[in-house]
Each structure stands twice: as structure tokens, then as C-alpha cells.
Amino acid sequence: MSPSADTHQTGFVVVITTTDKEQESESLTEVIIREKLAACAQILPIRSRYWWKGSVETADEWQIQFKTTAALREPLVCRIVQLHSYETPEVVCLPITAGNEAYLQWVHDSTQDPAPTDPG
């Protein structure tokens, strides 16, 4: 598969979520990568500020950036929501508009034939 030359649509996305515990970010990425819903994930410590239940909150969190194909975006989002401990987890998807063709090919190849998900 050759990624599209159209800089508006390559067929790849970055899916971002956050957790409040490093261990949860580690276990979440382990499941997602093993199930081949994403080719890779980066885990970054961040500080978040947000409205929650009527007040402004600040929290140290762990941001996870998953790289995957556009075709796996929805299954990945559903799996993150299923596994996540938050009542309302952040899950946002950003299109990859351009990139190293060899890297994008690797993302594609690394997400082929996704493993079955654990129903639990």
C-alpha cells in the first residue's frame, strides 16, 4: 500500500487519550499494540487543566498517542473507551496529512490482521 500523495488524507491517524496513572497507560498501550489496533504508542507525562463537574481541575496525567490506519480508527476508539477507567475519557483523532512514506507503510503493515479483542 502506498500512502496517498494528497496532503489532506493519507489514510492514517493519530488517536490521543490520557490516563491519570502511568501503569494504566502502560497496560492500555500493551493491549492495543498486541491486538494490532495501532502500530505504536508514545506515552508522555503532561499536566492538564479542565472543567469537571462545575469547577476547574488540574491533574498530572499520561498522554498516549497511538498511530494507526484510518480504517482502524473506530475499533481503536471503541477499545480505548471499553478499557479506560475514566467516566468520560478523552479520545480524539487527528488525521496525518503527510509523513515519511516508509514510516506510514510500516504503520500499515504493523496493523494488518488485527488480533481478536478480549471481550473482558
C-alpha atoms as a PDB file:
ATOM      1  CA  MET A   1       0.000   0.000   0.000  1.00  0.00           C
ATOM      2  CA  SER A   2       1.359   3.366  -0.945  1.00  0.00           C
ATOM      3  CA  PRO A   3       0.155   6.318   1.149  1.00  0.00           C
ATOM      4  CA  SER A   4      -1.729   8.937  -0.808  1.00  0.00           C
ATOM      5  CA  ALA A   5       0.160  11.933  -2.159  1.00  0.00           C
ATOM      6  CA  ASP A   6      -2.874  14.052  -1.176  1.00  0.00           C
ATOM      7  CA  THR A   7      -1.660  16.015   1.849  1.00  0.00           C
ATOM      8  CA  HIS A   8      -5.202  16.204   3.228  1.00  0.00           C
ATOM      9  CA  GLN A   9      -5.723  12.467   3.505  1.00  0.00           C
ATOM     10  CA  THR A  10      -3.053   9.799   3.886  1.00  0.00           C
ATOM     11  CA  GLY A  11      -5.281   7.102   5.360  1.00  0.00           C
ATOM     12  CA  PHE A  12      -3.524   7.332   8.736  1.00  0.00           C
ATOM     13  CA  VAL A  13      -4.477   8.942  12.045  1.00  0.00           C
ATOM     14  CA  VAL A  14      -3.131   9.739  15.497  1.00  0.00           C
ATOM     15  CA  VAL A  15      -5.545   8.797  18.278  1.00  0.00           C
ATOM     16  CA  ILE A  16      -4.891  10.549  21.590  1.00  0.00           C
ATOM     17  CA  THR A  17      -6.090   9.715  25.076  1.00  0.00           C
ATOM     18  CA  THR A  18      -4.983  10.432  28.655  1.00  0.00           C
ATOM     19  CA  THR A  19      -4.882   8.466  31.903  1.00  0.00           C
ATOM     20  CA  ASP A  20      -4.156   9.519  35.467  1.00  0.00           C
ATOM     21  CA  LYS A  21      -1.873   6.572  36.236  1.00  0.00           C
ATOM     22  CA  GLU A  22       1.323   5.571  34.477  1.00  0.00           C
ATOM     23  CA  GLN A  23       0.516   1.876  34.986  1.00  0.00           C
ATOM     24  CA  GLU A  24      -2.851   2.294  33.251  1.00  0.00           C
ATOM     25  CA  SER A  25      -1.150   3.959  30.283  1.00  0.00           C
ATOM     26  CA  GLU A  26       1.313   1.052  30.111  1.00  0.00           C
ATOM     27  CA  SER A  27      -1.386  -1.624  30.264  1.00  0.00           C
ATOM     28  CA  LEU A  28      -3.647   0.206  27.809  1.00  0.00           C
ATOM     29  CA  THR A  29      -0.868   0.507  25.229  1.00  0.00           C
ATOM     30  CA  GLU A  30       0.160  -3.121  25.761  1.00  0.00           C
ATOM     31  CA  VAL A  31      -3.361  -4.373  24.945  1.00  0.00           C
ATOM     32  CA  ILE A  32      -3.858  -2.043  21.961  1.00  0.00           C
ATOM     33  CA  ILE A  33      -0.488  -2.856  20.370  1.00  0.00           C
ATOM     34  CA  ARG A  34      -0.854  -6.625  20.919  1.00  0.00           C
ATOM     35  CA  GLU A  35      -4.309  -6.503  19.323  1.00  0.00           C
ATOM     36  CA  LYS A  36      -2.774  -4.634  16.351  1.00  0.00           C
ATOM     37  CA  LEU A  37      -5.252  -1.788  16.611  1.00  0.00           C
ATOM     38  CA  ALA A  38      -2.261   0.575  16.437  1.00  0.00           C
ATOM     39  CA  ALA A  39       1.311   0.199  15.221  1.00  0.00           C
ATOM     40  CA  CYS A  40       2.854   2.119  18.103  1.00  0.00           C
ATOM     41  CA  ALA A  41       2.157   4.408  21.015  1.00  0.00           C
ATOM     42  CA  GLN A  42       4.046   7.159  22.757  1.00  0.00           C
ATOM     43  CA  ILE A  43       3.403   7.799  26.463  1.00  0.00           C
ATOM     44  CA  LEU A  44       4.134  11.316  27.712  1.00  0.00           C
ATOM     45  CA  PRO A  45       3.749  12.884  31.182  1.00  0.00           C
ATOM     46  CA  ILE A  46       1.579  16.021  30.978  1.00  0.00           C
ATOM     47  CA  ARG A  47      -0.299  18.458  33.204  1.00  0.00           C
ATOM     48  CA  SER A  48      -3.956  19.006  32.313  1.00  0.00           C
ATOM     49  CA  ARG A  49      -6.327  21.775  33.292  1.00  0.00           C
ATOM     50  CA  TYR A  50     -10.030  21.314  32.560  1.00  0.00           C
ATOM     51  CA  TRP A  51     -13.612  21.881  33.661  1.00  0.00           C
ATOM     52  CA  TRP A  52     -15.090  18.921  35.566  1.00  0.00           C
ATOM     53  CA  LYS A  53     -18.430  18.920  37.362  1.00  0.00           C
ATOM     54  CA  GLY A  54     -18.575  22.694  37.749  1.00  0.00           C
ATOM     55  CA  SER A  55     -15.005  23.509  38.734  1.00  0.00           C
ATOM     56  CA  VAL A  56     -11.608  23.902  37.138  1.00  0.00           C
ATOM     57  CA  GLU A  57      -9.358  20.942  37.892  1.00  0.00           C
ATOM     58  CA  THR A  58      -5.620  20.408  37.420  1.00  0.00           C
ATOM     59  CA  ALA A  59      -4.124  16.942  37.163  1.00  0.00           C
ATOM     60  CA  ASP A  60      -0.878  15.236  36.285  1.00  0.00           C
ATOM     61  CA  GLU A  61      -1.719  12.728  33.574  1.00  0.00           C
ATOM     62  CA  TRP A  62      -0.156  10.468  30.970  1.00  0.00           C
ATOM     63  CA  GLN A  63      -0.955  11.242  27.346  1.00  0.00           C
ATOM     64  CA  ILE A  64      -0.937   8.353  24.886  1.00  0.00           C
ATOM     65  CA  GLN A  65      -0.538   8.966  21.159  1.00  0.00           C
ATOM     66  CA  PHE A  66      -1.447   5.951  19.031  1.00  0.00           C
ATOM     67  CA  LYS A  67      -0.518   5.766  15.309  1.00  0.00           C
ATOM     68  CA  THR A  68      -2.900   3.694  13.218  1.00  0.00           C
ATOM     69  CA  THR A  69      -4.765   3.479   9.932  1.00  0.00           C
ATOM     70  CA  ALA A  70      -7.958   5.422   9.299  1.00  0.00           C
ATOM     71  CA  ALA A  71      -9.729   2.067   8.836  1.00  0.00           C
ATOM     72  CA  LEU A  72      -8.875   1.075  12.423  1.00  0.00           C
ATOM     73  CA  ARG A  73      -9.811   4.439  13.949  1.00  0.00           C
ATOM     74  CA  GLU A  74     -13.291   3.440  15.113  1.00  0.00           C
ATOM     75  CA  PRO A  75     -12.326  -0.012  16.504  1.00  0.00           C
ATOM     76  CA  LEU A  76      -9.417   1.644  18.339  1.00  0.00           C
ATOM     77  CA  VAL A  77     -11.623   4.379  19.819  1.00  0.00           C
ATOM     78  CA  CYS A  78     -14.172   1.781  20.963  1.00  0.00           C
ATOM     79  CA  ARG A  79     -11.460  -0.364  22.551  1.00  0.00           C
ATOM     80  CA  ILE A  80      -9.934   2.601  24.396  1.00  0.00           C
ATOM     81  CA  VAL A  81     -13.345   3.578  25.795  1.00  0.00           C
ATOM     82  CA  GLN A  82     -14.007  -0.046  26.786  1.00  0.00           C
ATOM     83  CA  LEU A  83     -10.705  -0.400  28.690  1.00  0.00           C
ATOM     84  CA  HIS A  84     -10.426   3.121  30.131  1.00  0.00           C
ATOM     85  CA  SER A  85     -11.002   3.861  33.822  1.00  0.00           C
ATOM     86  CA  TYR A  86     -12.298   7.433  33.293  1.00  0.00           C
ATOM     87  CA  GLU A  87     -16.019   8.173  33.353  1.00  0.00           C
ATOM     88  CA  THR A  88     -15.537  10.370  30.261  1.00  0.00           C
ATOM     89  CA  PRO A  89     -12.169   9.544  28.674  1.00  0.00           C
ATOM     90  CA  GLU A  90     -10.576  11.957  26.256  1.00  0.00           C
ATOM     91  CA  VAL A  91     -10.276  10.219  22.912  1.00  0.00           C
ATOM     92  CA  VAL A  92      -9.559  12.453  19.924  1.00  0.00           C
ATOM     93  CA  CYS A  93      -8.406  11.573  16.439  1.00  0.00           C
ATOM     94  CA  LEU A  94      -6.179  13.706  14.243  1.00  0.00           C
ATOM     95  CA  PRO A  95      -5.551  12.978  10.572  1.00  0.00           C
ATOM     96  CA  ILE A  96      -1.969  12.515   9.467  1.00  0.00           C
ATOM     97  CA  THR A  97      -1.842  14.819   6.472  1.00  0.00           C
ATOM     98  CA  ALA A  98       1.686  13.922   5.355  1.00  0.00           C
ATOM     99  CA  GLY A  99       4.624  11.852   6.526  1.00  0.00           C
ATOM    100  CA  ASN A 100       7.579   9.652   5.716  1.00  0.00           C
ATOM    101  CA  GLU A 101       6.181   7.166   3.211  1.00  0.00           C
ATOM    102  CA  ALA A 102       8.299   4.317   4.609  1.00  0.00           C
ATOM    103  CA  TYR A 103       7.040   5.047   8.146  1.00  0.00           C
ATOM    104  CA  LEU A 104       3.411   5.156   7.034  1.00  0.00           C
ATOM    105  CA  GLN A 105       3.919   1.864   5.196  1.00  0.00           C
ATOM    106  CA  TRP A 106       5.281   0.395   8.441  1.00  0.00           C
ATOM    107  CA  VAL A 107       2.184   1.632  10.330  1.00  0.00           C
ATOM    108  CA  HIS A 108       0.012  -0.054   7.711  1.00  0.00           C
ATOM    109  CA  ASP A 109       1.980  -3.311   7.764  1.00  0.00           C
ATOM    110  CA  SER A 110       2.066  -3.399  11.576  1.00  0.00           C
ATOM    111  CA  THR A 111      -1.718  -3.182  11.877  1.00  0.00           C
ATOM    112  CA  GLN A 112      -2.694  -5.885   9.429  1.00  0.00           C
ATOM    113  CA  ASP A 113      -4.828  -8.816  10.566  1.00  0.00           C
ATOM    114  CA  PRO A 114      -5.732  -7.366  13.963  1.00  0.00           C
ATOM    115  CA  ALA A 115      -5.770  -9.951  16.730  1.00  0.00           C
ATOM    116  CA  PRO A 116      -9.184 -10.666  18.270  1.00  0.00           C
ATOM    117  CA  THR A 117     -10.026  -8.444  21.220  1.00  0.00           C
ATOM    118  CA  ASP A 118     -10.551  -9.856  24.677  1.00  0.00           C
ATOM    119  CA  PRO A 119     -14.273  -9.452  25.449  1.00  0.00           C
ATOM    120  CA  GLY A 120     -13.470  -8.843  29.140  1.00  0.00           C
END
